Amino acid sequence: MKPMTEEHLAVLRRHMIEMIAIHADLTSEELGKATLDERVLASMGQVPRHLFVPSSVAPYAYQDMPLPIGFGKTVSQPFMVALMTDLLAPEPHESVLEIGTGLGYQTAILAELAGQVWSVEIIEEFASHAEALLQDLGFSNVAIRVGDGSRGWPEHAPFDKILVSVAAERAPPALLSQLTPAGRLVLPLESEEGQFLTVIDKDAAGQIKTRKLIPVRFSRLETV
C-alpha cells in the first residue's frame, strides 16, 4: 500500500472535525450549546495529529479516540481536546499555562490560538520530544519545562488561562493563585461520582465560581 499523502491526511482531518461536530451536538444538553468555536475547529484542521503520536498508532490519529503515547499515558480524543480548548477560550493576546504536555498535541492547538503557551510535563522523555517537535513545526510561542504540574510555573505567572489535562481531587492551590483575575481554569476534577470536566472562573475580586460539565476519564495528576 502506498503511504498517505498530505492531501489524504487533510481529508482525514476534515472528517475528524465533522465527527467532533457530531459529538458536540449529541452532548449539547450537558454543554449548554450545540457547536464549538470555529477558531478551535480551524486550529485542529491545521495541526497534524499524526505527528504527535507514536508511529505504530499514527494510522488511527484522526479517529475520534484517545491513543497510547507511552508510560501508560494517552493523547486525549480529538473531541475532548476541542471541547477543553473551546471551554478555555484562549485569545491571541493571552498567556496560557498547560499542565500535562504529553507529546504536545494539545500544546500545539493552544499555541495556534493564544499569544504564549507555557507547558509543564512531569515525564522528561515527553517534554523533550514535544519541545523538539513543536520547534520543528515552527511553534515559536511555546516553552516547556519538566516539573510538578501542581506547582504551576510561578516565574511566568499570572496566566490568563490554565488548562490541566490530568485529573485532580481538587484544583491545585498554586494554579488558582497563578490565575489572573477574570481568568479561567479548565480541568478534570474527581468526586465520589467519578471524574467530571470542570470550569473554574476567577472574577475580578478573586472569587471562584465552579461549573461541572460532563463525566470524563483522565490519568491522575502526578506530584513530586
N, C-alpha and C. Protein backbone atom coordinates (compact mmCIF):
# COMPACT_ATOMS: atom_id res chain seq x y z
N MET A 1 0.83 -1.20 0.00
CA MET A 1 0.00 0.00 0.00
C MET A 1 0.87 1.25 0.00
N LYS A 2 0.49 2.23 -0.80
CA LYS A 2 1.24 3.48 -0.85
C LYS A 2 1.08 4.26 0.45
N PRO A 3 2.07 5.04 0.85
CA PRO A 3 1.91 5.90 2.02
C PRO A 3 0.91 7.01 1.74
N MET A 4 0.25 7.47 2.80
CA MET A 4 -0.72 8.55 2.65
C MET A 4 -0.03 9.87 2.33
N THR A 5 -0.63 10.65 1.47
CA THR A 5 -0.09 11.96 1.11
C THR A 5 -0.68 13.02 2.04
N GLU A 6 -0.15 14.23 1.94
CA GLU A 6 -0.70 15.34 2.73
C GLU A 6 -2.16 15.60 2.36
N GLU A 7 -2.50 15.35 1.10
CA GLU A 7 -3.90 15.53 0.69
C GLU A 7 -4.81 14.52 1.40
N HIS A 8 -4.35 13.27 1.49
CA HIS A 8 -5.13 12.26 2.21
C HIS A 8 -5.31 12.67 3.66
N LEU A 9 -4.23 13.11 4.28
CA LEU A 9 -4.27 13.48 5.70
C LEU A 9 -5.20 14.67 5.94
N ALA A 10 -5.21 15.61 5.01
CA ALA A 10 -6.10 16.76 5.13
C ALA A 10 -7.56 16.32 5.09
N VAL A 11 -7.86 15.33 4.25
CA VAL A 11 -9.23 14.80 4.20
C VAL A 11 -9.59 14.14 5.52
N LEU A 12 -8.67 13.38 6.08
CA LEU A 12 -8.93 12.72 7.36
C LEU A 12 -9.13 13.73 8.48
N ARG A 13 -8.37 14.83 8.44
CA ARG A 13 -8.56 15.87 9.46
C ARG A 13 -9.94 16.51 9.33
N ARG A 14 -10.39 16.73 8.10
CA ARG A 14 -11.74 17.28 7.91
C ARG A 14 -12.80 16.32 8.44
N HIS A 15 -12.58 15.03 8.19
CA HIS A 15 -13.52 14.04 8.71
C HIS A 15 -13.51 14.05 10.25
N MET A 16 -12.33 14.19 10.84
CA MET A 16 -12.22 14.27 12.30
C MET A 16 -13.04 15.44 12.84
N ILE A 17 -12.94 16.57 12.17
CA ILE A 17 -13.68 17.76 12.62
C ILE A 17 -15.19 17.54 12.49
N GLU A 18 -15.60 16.84 11.44
CA GLU A 18 -17.02 16.51 11.30
C GLU A 18 -17.49 15.63 12.45
N MET A 19 -16.67 14.67 12.87
CA MET A 19 -17.03 13.81 14.00
C MET A 19 -17.09 14.60 15.30
N ILE A 20 -16.17 15.55 15.46
CA ILE A 20 -16.20 16.41 16.64
C ILE A 20 -17.51 17.19 16.69
N ALA A 21 -17.93 17.71 15.54
CA ALA A 21 -19.17 18.48 15.47
C ALA A 21 -20.38 17.63 15.83
N ILE A 22 -20.40 16.38 15.38
CA ILE A 22 -21.49 15.47 15.73
C ILE A 22 -21.49 15.20 17.23
N HIS A 23 -20.32 14.94 17.78
CA HIS A 23 -20.19 14.67 19.22
C HIS A 23 -20.66 15.87 20.04
N ALA A 24 -20.30 17.06 19.60
CA ALA A 24 -20.73 18.28 20.30
C ALA A 24 -22.24 18.41 20.28
N ASP A 25 -22.84 18.12 19.14
CA ASP A 25 -24.30 18.21 19.03
C ASP A 25 -24.97 17.19 19.94
N LEU A 26 -24.43 15.99 20.02
CA LEU A 26 -25.03 14.94 20.85
C LEU A 26 -24.94 15.26 22.34
N THR A 27 -23.95 16.06 22.74
CA THR A 27 -23.80 16.42 24.16
C THR A 27 -24.25 17.85 24.43
N SER A 28 -25.04 18.41 23.53
CA SER A 28 -25.43 19.82 23.64
C SER A 28 -26.20 20.13 24.92
N GLU A 29 -26.99 19.19 25.41
CA GLU A 29 -27.75 19.45 26.64
C GLU A 29 -26.82 19.63 27.83
N GLU A 30 -25.80 18.79 27.91
CA GLU A 30 -24.83 18.90 29.02
C GLU A 30 -23.94 20.13 28.87
N LEU A 31 -23.60 20.48 27.62
CA LEU A 31 -22.68 21.59 27.39
C LEU A 31 -23.38 22.94 27.37
N GLY A 32 -24.67 22.93 27.10
CA GLY A 32 -25.40 24.19 27.01
C GLY A 32 -25.27 24.86 25.66
N LYS A 33 -24.69 24.16 24.68
CA LYS A 33 -24.57 24.67 23.31
C LYS A 33 -24.30 23.49 22.40
N ALA A 34 -24.61 23.66 21.12
CA ALA A 34 -24.52 22.55 20.18
C ALA A 34 -23.30 22.61 19.27
N THR A 35 -22.60 23.73 19.28
CA THR A 35 -21.44 23.88 18.40
C THR A 35 -20.25 24.42 19.18
N LEU A 36 -19.06 24.11 18.68
CA LEU A 36 -17.83 24.61 19.28
C LEU A 36 -17.29 25.78 18.46
N ASP A 37 -16.40 26.54 19.07
CA ASP A 37 -15.81 27.71 18.44
C ASP A 37 -15.13 27.33 17.12
N GLU A 38 -15.46 28.05 16.07
CA GLU A 38 -14.87 27.78 14.76
C GLU A 38 -13.36 27.96 14.77
N ARG A 39 -12.85 28.86 15.60
CA ARG A 39 -11.40 29.05 15.70
C ARG A 39 -10.73 27.77 16.20
N VAL A 40 -11.37 27.12 17.16
CA VAL A 40 -10.82 25.87 17.71
C VAL A 40 -10.82 24.79 16.63
N LEU A 41 -11.92 24.64 15.94
CA LEU A 41 -12.00 23.63 14.90
C LEU A 41 -11.02 23.91 13.77
N ALA A 42 -10.84 25.17 13.42
CA ALA A 42 -9.89 25.52 12.38
C ALA A 42 -8.46 25.15 12.79
N SER A 43 -8.13 25.38 14.05
CA SER A 43 -6.78 25.03 14.52
C SER A 43 -6.57 23.53 14.47
N MET A 44 -7.60 22.76 14.78
CA MET A 44 -7.47 21.31 14.72
C MET A 44 -7.38 20.81 13.29
N GLY A 45 -7.89 21.60 12.37
CA GLY A 45 -7.72 21.27 10.96
C GLY A 45 -6.32 21.55 10.44
N GLN A 46 -5.57 22.33 11.18
CA GLN A 46 -4.21 22.69 10.77
C GLN A 46 -3.14 21.81 11.41
N VAL A 47 -3.34 21.41 12.66
CA VAL A 47 -2.28 20.70 13.40
C VAL A 47 -2.27 19.22 13.01
N PRO A 48 -1.13 18.68 12.60
CA PRO A 48 -1.03 17.29 12.14
C PRO A 48 -0.96 16.31 13.32
N ARG A 49 -2.12 15.85 13.79
CA ARG A 49 -2.16 14.98 14.97
C ARG A 49 -1.32 13.72 14.78
N HIS A 50 -1.21 13.25 13.55
CA HIS A 50 -0.46 12.00 13.32
C HIS A 50 1.01 12.13 13.69
N LEU A 51 1.53 13.34 13.77
CA LEU A 51 2.92 13.53 14.18
C LEU A 51 3.10 13.53 15.69
N PHE A 52 2.00 13.64 16.43
CA PHE A 52 2.07 13.75 17.88
C PHE A 52 1.74 12.44 18.59
N VAL A 53 1.77 11.35 17.85
CA VAL A 53 1.55 10.02 18.43
C VAL A 53 2.64 9.09 17.92
N PRO A 54 2.89 7.98 18.60
CA PRO A 54 3.87 7.01 18.09
C PRO A 54 3.48 6.51 16.70
N SER A 55 4.48 6.18 15.90
CA SER A 55 4.22 5.77 14.52
C SER A 55 3.33 4.53 14.45
N SER A 56 3.36 3.70 15.49
CA SER A 56 2.56 2.47 15.47
C SER A 56 1.06 2.75 15.50
N VAL A 57 0.66 3.89 16.03
CA VAL A 57 -0.77 4.22 16.09
C VAL A 57 -1.12 5.41 15.20
N ALA A 58 -0.15 5.93 14.46
CA ALA A 58 -0.40 7.07 13.58
C ALA A 58 -1.53 6.85 12.58
N PRO A 59 -1.72 5.61 12.05
CA PRO A 59 -2.84 5.41 11.12
C PRO A 59 -4.21 5.70 11.74
N TYR A 60 -4.29 5.71 13.06
CA TYR A 60 -5.58 5.95 13.74
C TYR A 60 -5.68 7.38 14.28
N ALA A 61 -4.74 8.24 13.89
CA ALA A 61 -4.62 9.55 14.51
C ALA A 61 -5.87 10.41 14.35
N TYR A 62 -6.62 10.22 13.26
CA TYR A 62 -7.75 11.10 13.01
C TYR A 62 -9.10 10.47 13.33
N GLN A 63 -9.05 9.33 14.02
CA GLN A 63 -10.26 8.77 14.58
C GLN A 63 -10.53 9.46 15.92
N ASP A 64 -11.81 9.56 16.27
CA ASP A 64 -12.17 10.27 17.50
C ASP A 64 -12.01 9.36 18.71
N MET A 65 -10.75 9.12 19.06
CA MET A 65 -10.44 8.21 20.16
C MET A 65 -9.10 8.59 20.76
N PRO A 66 -8.91 8.31 22.07
CA PRO A 66 -7.59 8.51 22.66
C PRO A 66 -6.62 7.47 22.12
N LEU A 67 -5.34 7.80 22.12
CA LEU A 67 -4.33 6.88 21.63
C LEU A 67 -3.18 6.79 22.63
N PRO A 68 -2.59 5.61 22.80
CA PRO A 68 -1.47 5.46 23.74
C PRO A 68 -0.22 6.16 23.23
N ILE A 69 0.50 6.81 24.15
CA ILE A 69 1.72 7.51 23.77
C ILE A 69 2.93 7.04 24.58
N GLY A 70 2.73 6.02 25.43
CA GLY A 70 3.82 5.51 26.25
C GLY A 70 3.67 5.89 27.71
N PHE A 71 4.39 5.18 28.56
CA PHE A 71 4.39 5.42 30.00
C PHE A 71 2.98 5.32 30.60
N GLY A 72 2.13 4.51 29.97
CA GLY A 72 0.78 4.35 30.46
C GLY A 72 -0.12 5.55 30.23
N LYS A 73 0.29 6.46 29.37
CA LYS A 73 -0.46 7.69 29.11
C LYS A 73 -1.09 7.65 27.71
N THR A 74 -2.04 8.55 27.50
CA THR A 74 -2.69 8.66 26.20
C THR A 74 -2.78 10.12 25.78
N VAL A 75 -2.93 10.33 24.49
CA VAL A 75 -3.33 11.64 23.99
C VAL A 75 -4.85 11.61 23.96
N SER A 76 -5.48 12.67 24.42
CA SER A 76 -6.94 12.70 24.52
C SER A 76 -7.60 12.57 23.15
N GLN A 77 -8.83 12.07 23.15
CA GLN A 77 -9.58 12.00 21.89
C GLN A 77 -9.77 13.41 21.35
N PRO A 78 -9.82 13.56 20.05
CA PRO A 78 -9.96 14.89 19.45
C PRO A 78 -11.14 15.70 19.99
N PHE A 79 -12.29 15.06 20.20
CA PHE A 79 -13.43 15.81 20.75
C PHE A 79 -13.09 16.42 22.10
N MET A 80 -12.39 15.67 22.95
CA MET A 80 -12.07 16.20 24.28
C MET A 80 -11.07 17.35 24.17
N VAL A 81 -10.11 17.24 23.26
CA VAL A 81 -9.16 18.34 23.04
C VAL A 81 -9.91 19.58 22.57
N ALA A 82 -10.82 19.39 21.63
CA ALA A 82 -11.60 20.52 21.11
C ALA A 82 -12.48 21.13 22.19
N LEU A 83 -13.14 20.28 22.96
CA LEU A 83 -14.04 20.78 24.00
C LEU A 83 -13.29 21.55 25.07
N MET A 84 -12.19 21.00 25.56
CA MET A 84 -11.43 21.68 26.61
C MET A 84 -10.88 23.01 26.10
N THR A 85 -10.44 23.02 24.85
CA THR A 85 -9.93 24.26 24.27
C THR A 85 -11.04 25.28 24.11
N ASP A 86 -12.20 24.82 23.65
CA ASP A 86 -13.37 25.69 23.50
C ASP A 86 -13.77 26.30 24.85
N LEU A 87 -13.80 25.48 25.88
CA LEU A 87 -14.18 25.97 27.21
C LEU A 87 -13.14 26.96 27.74
N LEU A 88 -11.87 26.70 27.45
CA LEU A 88 -10.81 27.60 27.90
C LEU A 88 -10.90 28.95 27.20
N ALA A 89 -11.26 28.92 25.92
CA ALA A 89 -11.42 30.13 25.11
C ALA A 89 -10.18 31.01 25.09
N PRO A 90 -9.02 30.47 24.70
CA PRO A 90 -7.80 31.29 24.63
C PRO A 90 -7.89 32.33 23.53
N GLU A 91 -7.35 33.51 23.81
CA GLU A 91 -7.35 34.61 22.85
C GLU A 91 -5.91 34.93 22.42
N PRO A 92 -5.75 35.57 21.25
CA PRO A 92 -4.41 35.81 20.71
C PRO A 92 -3.49 36.63 21.61
N HIS A 93 -4.06 37.43 22.49
CA HIS A 93 -3.22 38.27 23.35
C HIS A 93 -2.93 37.62 24.69
N GLU A 94 -3.44 36.41 24.92
CA GLU A 94 -3.38 35.83 26.26
C GLU A 94 -2.21 34.89 26.47
N SER A 95 -1.84 34.75 27.75
CA SER A 95 -0.82 33.81 28.19
C SER A 95 -1.53 32.60 28.81
N VAL A 96 -1.17 31.41 28.33
CA VAL A 96 -1.83 30.18 28.77
C VAL A 96 -0.81 29.24 29.41
N LEU A 97 -1.20 28.66 30.55
CA LEU A 97 -0.41 27.62 31.20
C LEU A 97 -1.09 26.28 30.95
N GLU A 98 -0.31 25.31 30.47
CA GLU A 98 -0.82 23.96 30.28
C GLU A 98 -0.10 23.02 31.24
N ILE A 99 -0.86 22.17 31.91
CA ILE A 99 -0.29 21.15 32.78
C ILE A 99 -0.53 19.80 32.14
N GLY A 100 0.57 19.11 31.81
CA GLY A 100 0.49 17.82 31.14
C GLY A 100 0.71 17.94 29.65
N THR A 101 1.95 18.19 29.24
CA THR A 101 2.28 18.40 27.83
C THR A 101 2.05 17.15 27.00
N GLY A 102 2.39 15.99 27.58
CA GLY A 102 2.38 14.77 26.78
C GLY A 102 3.34 14.92 25.61
N LEU A 103 2.92 14.52 24.43
CA LEU A 103 3.76 14.68 23.24
C LEU A 103 3.48 15.98 22.51
N GLY A 104 2.60 16.83 23.07
CA GLY A 104 2.49 18.19 22.58
C GLY A 104 1.31 18.52 21.69
N TYR A 105 0.36 17.58 21.51
CA TYR A 105 -0.75 17.88 20.60
C TYR A 105 -1.65 19.00 21.12
N GLN A 106 -2.11 18.86 22.36
CA GLN A 106 -2.93 19.92 22.94
C GLN A 106 -2.15 21.23 23.00
N THR A 107 -0.86 21.14 23.28
CA THR A 107 0.01 22.31 23.32
C THR A 107 -0.02 23.06 21.99
N ALA A 108 0.06 22.29 20.89
CA ALA A 108 0.05 22.90 19.56
C ALA A 108 -1.27 23.60 19.28
N ILE A 109 -2.37 22.97 19.68
CA ILE A 109 -3.69 23.60 19.48
C ILE A 109 -3.75 24.91 20.24
N LEU A 110 -3.30 24.91 21.48
CA LEU A 110 -3.29 26.15 22.27
C LEU A 110 -2.40 27.20 21.64
N ALA A 111 -1.25 26.77 21.13
CA ALA A 111 -0.31 27.71 20.53
C ALA A 111 -0.87 28.36 19.26
N GLU A 112 -1.77 27.66 18.57
CA GLU A 112 -2.43 28.23 17.40
C GLU A 112 -3.35 29.38 17.79
N LEU A 113 -3.84 29.36 19.03
CA LEU A 113 -4.90 30.28 19.44
C LEU A 113 -4.47 31.35 20.43
N ALA A 114 -3.44 31.08 21.22
CA ALA A 114 -3.02 32.00 22.28
C ALA A 114 -1.75 32.74 21.89
N GLY A 115 -1.43 33.77 22.67
CA GLY A 115 -0.22 34.52 22.41
C GLY A 115 1.03 33.77 22.84
N GLN A 116 0.97 33.15 24.03
CA GLN A 116 2.11 32.42 24.58
C GLN A 116 1.59 31.24 25.38
N VAL A 117 2.24 30.09 25.22
CA VAL A 117 1.88 28.90 25.96
C VAL A 117 3.08 28.43 26.77
N TRP A 118 2.85 28.26 28.06
CA TRP A 118 3.84 27.70 28.97
C TRP A 118 3.33 26.33 29.39
N SER A 119 4.12 25.28 29.19
CA SER A 119 3.62 23.93 29.43
C SER A 119 4.55 23.17 30.35
N VAL A 120 3.96 22.47 31.32
CA VAL A 120 4.74 21.71 32.32
C VAL A 120 4.42 20.23 32.17
N GLU A 121 5.46 19.41 32.07
CA GLU A 121 5.31 17.96 31.91
C GLU A 121 6.22 17.25 32.91
N ILE A 122 5.70 16.25 33.60
CA ILE A 122 6.49 15.58 34.63
C ILE A 122 7.40 14.50 34.05
N ILE A 123 7.07 13.99 32.86
CA ILE A 123 7.88 12.93 32.24
C ILE A 123 8.88 13.57 31.28
N GLU A 124 10.14 13.44 31.60
CA GLU A 124 11.19 14.14 30.85
C GLU A 124 11.21 13.74 29.37
N GLU A 125 11.00 12.45 29.09
CA GLU A 125 11.03 12.00 27.70
C GLU A 125 9.93 12.66 26.88
N PHE A 126 8.76 12.83 27.47
CA PHE A 126 7.67 13.52 26.78
C PHE A 126 8.05 14.97 26.50
N ALA A 127 8.55 15.64 27.52
CA ALA A 127 8.87 17.07 27.40
C ALA A 127 9.89 17.32 26.31
N SER A 128 10.95 16.52 26.27
CA SER A 128 12.00 16.73 25.26
C SER A 128 11.48 16.43 23.86
N HIS A 129 10.68 15.39 23.73
CA HIS A 129 10.11 15.05 22.42
C HIS A 129 9.17 16.15 21.94
N ALA A 130 8.28 16.59 22.82
CA ALA A 130 7.32 17.63 22.45
C ALA A 130 8.03 18.93 22.07
N GLU A 131 9.04 19.29 22.84
CA GLU A 131 9.76 20.53 22.57
C GLU A 131 10.40 20.51 21.19
N ALA A 132 11.06 19.40 20.86
CA ALA A 132 11.72 19.28 19.56
C ALA A 132 10.71 19.30 18.42
N LEU A 133 9.60 18.58 18.59
CA LEU A 133 8.59 18.51 17.54
C LEU A 133 7.93 19.86 17.30
N LEU A 134 7.57 20.55 18.37
CA LEU A 134 6.92 21.85 18.24
C LEU A 134 7.86 22.87 17.58
N GLN A 135 9.14 22.79 17.91
CA GLN A 135 10.11 23.67 17.26
C GLN A 135 10.20 23.36 15.77
N ASP A 136 10.23 22.07 15.43
CA ASP A 136 10.32 21.67 14.03
C ASP A 136 9.12 22.16 13.23
N LEU A 137 7.96 22.22 13.90
CA LEU A 137 6.74 22.65 13.23
C LEU A 137 6.56 24.17 13.22
N GLY A 138 7.53 24.87 13.81
CA GLY A 138 7.51 26.32 13.74
C GLY A 138 6.75 27.04 14.84
N PHE A 139 6.44 26.34 15.92
CA PHE A 139 5.75 26.99 17.04
C PHE A 139 6.78 27.71 17.91
N SER A 140 6.84 29.02 17.75
CA SER A 140 7.83 29.81 18.49
C SER A 140 7.27 30.41 19.77
N ASN A 141 5.99 30.22 20.02
CA ASN A 141 5.34 30.82 21.19
C ASN A 141 5.06 29.79 22.28
N VAL A 142 5.90 28.75 22.35
CA VAL A 142 5.73 27.69 23.34
C VAL A 142 7.02 27.50 24.12
N ALA A 143 6.88 27.34 25.43
CA ALA A 143 8.01 26.97 26.29
C ALA A 143 7.57 25.79 27.15
N ILE A 144 8.46 24.81 27.30
CA ILE A 144 8.14 23.59 28.05
C ILE A 144 9.20 23.37 29.11
N ARG A 145 8.77 22.95 30.28
CA ARG A 145 9.73 22.54 31.29
C ARG A 145 9.27 21.27 31.97
N VAL A 146 10.22 20.53 32.53
CA VAL A 146 9.92 19.31 33.28
C VAL A 146 9.69 19.69 34.73
N GLY A 147 8.60 19.21 35.29
CA GLY A 147 8.34 19.53 36.69
C GLY A 147 6.99 19.04 37.17
N ASP A 148 6.70 19.35 38.42
CA ASP A 148 5.45 19.01 39.09
C ASP A 148 4.39 20.03 38.66
N GLY A 149 3.42 19.57 37.86
CA GLY A 149 2.42 20.48 37.34
C GLY A 149 1.56 21.14 38.40
N SER A 150 1.41 20.50 39.56
CA SER A 150 0.57 21.08 40.60
C SER A 150 1.14 22.38 41.13
N ARG A 151 2.42 22.62 40.85
CA ARG A 151 3.07 23.86 41.30
C ARG A 151 3.01 24.97 40.26
N GLY A 152 2.52 24.63 39.08
CA GLY A 152 2.43 25.64 38.02
C GLY A 152 3.79 26.07 37.53
N TRP A 153 3.88 27.33 37.13
CA TRP A 153 5.14 27.91 36.64
C TRP A 153 5.19 29.35 37.16
N PRO A 154 5.48 29.52 38.44
CA PRO A 154 5.34 30.84 39.08
C PRO A 154 6.17 31.94 38.44
N GLU A 155 7.30 31.58 37.82
CA GLU A 155 8.16 32.61 37.22
C GLU A 155 7.46 33.37 36.09
N HIS A 156 6.46 32.75 35.48
CA HIS A 156 5.78 33.38 34.36
C HIS A 156 4.33 33.74 34.67
N ALA A 157 3.93 33.57 35.92
CA ALA A 157 2.57 33.92 36.33
C ALA A 157 2.44 35.45 36.43
N PRO A 158 1.22 35.98 36.36
CA PRO A 158 -0.04 35.24 36.28
C PRO A 158 -0.39 34.86 34.85
N PHE A 159 -1.29 33.88 34.74
CA PHE A 159 -1.74 33.39 33.44
C PHE A 159 -3.21 33.77 33.24
N ASP A 160 -3.54 34.11 32.00
CA ASP A 160 -4.94 34.42 31.69
C ASP A 160 -5.80 33.17 31.73
N LYS A 161 -5.24 32.07 31.26
CA LYS A 161 -5.97 30.80 31.20
C LYS A 161 -5.03 29.67 31.62
N ILE A 162 -5.61 28.63 32.24
CA ILE A 162 -4.84 27.44 32.62
C ILE A 162 -5.64 26.21 32.21
N LEU A 163 -4.99 25.29 31.52
CA LEU A 163 -5.61 24.02 31.14
C LEU A 163 -4.83 22.88 31.76
N VAL A 164 -5.53 21.99 32.44
CA VAL A 164 -4.92 20.82 33.08
C VAL A 164 -5.47 19.57 32.43
N SER A 165 -4.61 18.77 31.82
CA SER A 165 -5.06 17.59 31.09
C SER A 165 -4.87 16.31 31.88
N VAL A 166 -4.80 16.43 33.20
CA VAL A 166 -4.78 15.28 34.11
C VAL A 166 -5.75 15.58 35.25
N ALA A 167 -6.25 14.52 35.86
CA ALA A 167 -7.30 14.69 36.87
C ALA A 167 -6.72 14.91 38.26
N ALA A 168 -7.42 15.73 39.04
CA ALA A 168 -7.02 16.01 40.41
C ALA A 168 -8.24 15.95 41.32
N GLU A 169 -7.99 15.71 42.62
CA GLU A 169 -9.09 15.68 43.57
C GLU A 169 -9.64 17.07 43.82
N ARG A 170 -8.79 18.07 43.66
CA ARG A 170 -9.21 19.47 43.79
C ARG A 170 -8.27 20.31 42.94
N ALA A 171 -8.70 21.50 42.63
CA ALA A 171 -7.84 22.40 41.86
C ALA A 171 -6.62 22.75 42.70
N PRO A 172 -5.41 22.50 42.20
CA PRO A 172 -4.21 22.81 42.97
C PRO A 172 -4.18 24.29 43.37
N PRO A 173 -3.98 24.59 44.65
CA PRO A 173 -3.97 25.99 45.11
C PRO A 173 -2.97 26.86 44.36
N ALA A 174 -1.80 26.29 44.01
CA ALA A 174 -0.80 27.08 43.30
C ALA A 174 -1.33 27.54 41.95
N LEU A 175 -2.11 26.71 41.29
CA LEU A 175 -2.66 27.09 39.99
C LEU A 175 -3.70 28.19 40.14
N LEU A 176 -4.53 28.08 41.15
CA LEU A 176 -5.53 29.12 41.38
C LEU A 176 -4.85 30.45 41.69
N SER A 177 -3.76 30.40 42.44
CA SER A 177 -3.07 31.64 42.79
C SER A 177 -2.35 32.24 41.59
N GLN A 178 -1.99 31.41 40.60
CA GLN A 178 -1.29 31.91 39.42
C GLN A 178 -2.25 32.32 38.31
N LEU A 179 -3.54 32.18 38.55
CA LEU A 179 -4.55 32.58 37.59
C LEU A 179 -4.91 34.05 37.79
N THR A 180 -4.85 34.80 36.70
CA THR A 180 -5.12 36.23 36.80
C THR A 180 -6.58 36.48 37.15
N PRO A 181 -6.91 37.60 37.80
CA PRO A 181 -8.32 37.96 38.00
C PRO A 181 -9.04 37.99 36.65
N ALA A 182 -10.25 37.45 36.62
CA ALA A 182 -11.03 37.28 35.39
C ALA A 182 -10.46 36.16 34.53
N GLY A 183 -9.60 35.31 35.11
CA GLY A 183 -9.03 34.19 34.37
C GLY A 183 -9.89 32.94 34.48
N ARG A 184 -9.49 31.91 33.75
CA ARG A 184 -10.26 30.66 33.71
C ARG A 184 -9.33 29.46 33.77
N LEU A 185 -9.76 28.45 34.51
CA LEU A 185 -9.04 27.17 34.65
C LEU A 185 -9.99 26.05 34.23
N VAL A 186 -9.52 25.18 33.33
CA VAL A 186 -10.30 24.02 32.89
C VAL A 186 -9.52 22.77 33.25
N LEU A 187 -10.18 21.83 33.93
CA LEU A 187 -9.51 20.60 34.34
C LEU A 187 -10.53 19.52 34.68
N PRO A 188 -10.10 18.24 34.67
CA PRO A 188 -10.95 17.16 35.18
C PRO A 188 -10.80 17.10 36.71
N LEU A 189 -11.92 17.12 37.42
CA LEU A 189 -11.90 17.02 38.87
C LEU A 189 -12.57 15.73 39.30
N GLU A 190 -11.99 15.10 40.32
CA GLU A 190 -12.55 13.85 40.82
C GLU A 190 -13.59 14.14 41.91
N SER A 191 -14.59 13.26 41.97
CA SER A 191 -15.61 13.35 43.01
C SER A 191 -16.07 11.94 43.35
N GLU A 192 -17.00 11.81 44.26
CA GLU A 192 -17.50 10.49 44.61
C GLU A 192 -18.17 9.82 43.42
N GLU A 193 -18.71 10.62 42.50
CA GLU A 193 -19.39 10.08 41.32
C GLU A 193 -18.43 9.79 40.17
N GLY A 194 -17.15 10.14 40.32
CA GLY A 194 -16.19 9.96 39.25
C GLY A 194 -15.58 11.28 38.83
N GLN A 195 -14.89 11.28 37.71
CA GLN A 195 -14.27 12.50 37.19
C GLN A 195 -15.26 13.30 36.34
N PHE A 196 -15.19 14.61 36.49
CA PHE A 196 -16.02 15.50 35.67
C PHE A 196 -15.18 16.64 35.13
N LEU A 197 -15.36 16.94 33.87
CA LEU A 197 -14.72 18.10 33.28
C LEU A 197 -15.30 19.34 33.95
N THR A 198 -14.42 20.21 34.43
CA THR A 198 -14.84 21.33 35.28
C THR A 198 -14.22 22.63 34.81
N VAL A 199 -15.03 23.68 34.84
CA VAL A 199 -14.57 25.03 34.50
C VAL A 199 -14.58 25.87 35.76
N ILE A 200 -13.45 26.48 36.06
CA ILE A 200 -13.33 27.35 37.23
C ILE A 200 -13.01 28.76 36.76
N ASP A 201 -13.87 29.69 37.09
CA ASP A 201 -13.67 31.10 36.74
C ASP A 201 -13.32 31.90 37.98
N LYS A 202 -12.34 32.77 37.84
CA LYS A 202 -11.97 33.70 38.91
C LYS A 202 -12.43 35.09 38.50
N ASP A 203 -13.21 35.75 39.35
CA ASP A 203 -13.68 37.08 38.97
C ASP A 203 -12.66 38.14 39.33
N ALA A 204 -12.97 39.38 39.02
CA ALA A 204 -12.01 40.47 39.23
C ALA A 204 -11.65 40.65 40.70
N ALA A 205 -12.52 40.19 41.59
CA ALA A 205 -12.25 40.30 43.03
C ALA A 205 -11.53 39.08 43.58
N GLY A 206 -11.25 38.10 42.70
CA GLY A 206 -10.56 36.90 43.13
C GLY A 206 -11.46 35.80 43.63
N GLN A 207 -12.78 35.98 43.52
CA GLN A 207 -13.72 34.95 43.95
C GLN A 207 -13.81 33.85 42.88
N ILE A 208 -14.02 32.62 43.34
CA ILE A 208 -14.01 31.45 42.47
C ILE A 208 -15.43 30.94 42.23
N LYS A 209 -15.74 30.64 40.97
CA LYS A 209 -17.00 30.03 40.61
C LYS A 209 -16.70 28.76 39.81
N THR A 210 -17.32 27.64 40.21
CA THR A 210 -17.04 26.34 39.60
C THR A 210 -18.25 25.80 38.87
N ARG A 211 -18.02 25.26 37.67
CA ARG A 211 -19.11 24.68 36.88
C ARG A 211 -18.70 23.28 36.43
N LYS A 212 -19.47 22.28 36.82
CA LYS A 212 -19.18 20.88 36.47
C LYS A 212 -19.96 20.49 35.23
N LEU A 213 -19.28 19.86 34.26
CA LEU A 213 -19.90 19.52 32.99
C LEU A 213 -20.06 18.01 32.85
N ILE A 214 -19.37 17.42 31.91
CA ILE A 214 -19.61 16.02 31.56
C ILE A 214 -18.62 15.08 32.27
N PRO A 215 -19.01 13.81 32.46
CA PRO A 215 -18.07 12.84 33.02
C PRO A 215 -16.94 12.54 32.04
N VAL A 216 -15.73 12.36 32.57
CA VAL A 216 -14.55 12.11 31.74
C VAL A 216 -13.68 11.07 32.43
N ARG A 217 -12.64 10.65 31.74
CA ARG A 217 -11.67 9.72 32.33
C ARG A 217 -10.27 10.13 31.90
N PHE A 218 -9.50 10.64 32.86
CA PHE A 218 -8.12 11.07 32.62
C PHE A 218 -7.20 10.38 33.62
N SER A 219 -5.93 10.26 33.26
CA SER A 219 -4.94 9.78 34.23
C SER A 219 -4.78 10.85 35.31
N ARG A 220 -4.29 10.43 36.46
CA ARG A 220 -4.25 11.34 37.60
C ARG A 220 -2.98 12.21 37.58
N LEU A 221 -3.12 13.37 38.15
CA LEU A 221 -2.01 14.31 38.28
C LEU A 221 -0.93 13.69 39.16
N GLU A 222 0.29 13.66 38.64
CA GLU A 222 1.43 13.14 39.41
C GLU A 222 2.19 14.30 40.02
N THR A 223 2.54 14.15 41.30
CA THR A 223 3.29 15.20 42.01
C THR A 223 4.58 14.62 42.56
N VAL A 224 5.53 15.49 42.83
CA VAL A 224 6.80 15.06 43.41
C VAL A 224 7.14 15.95 44.60
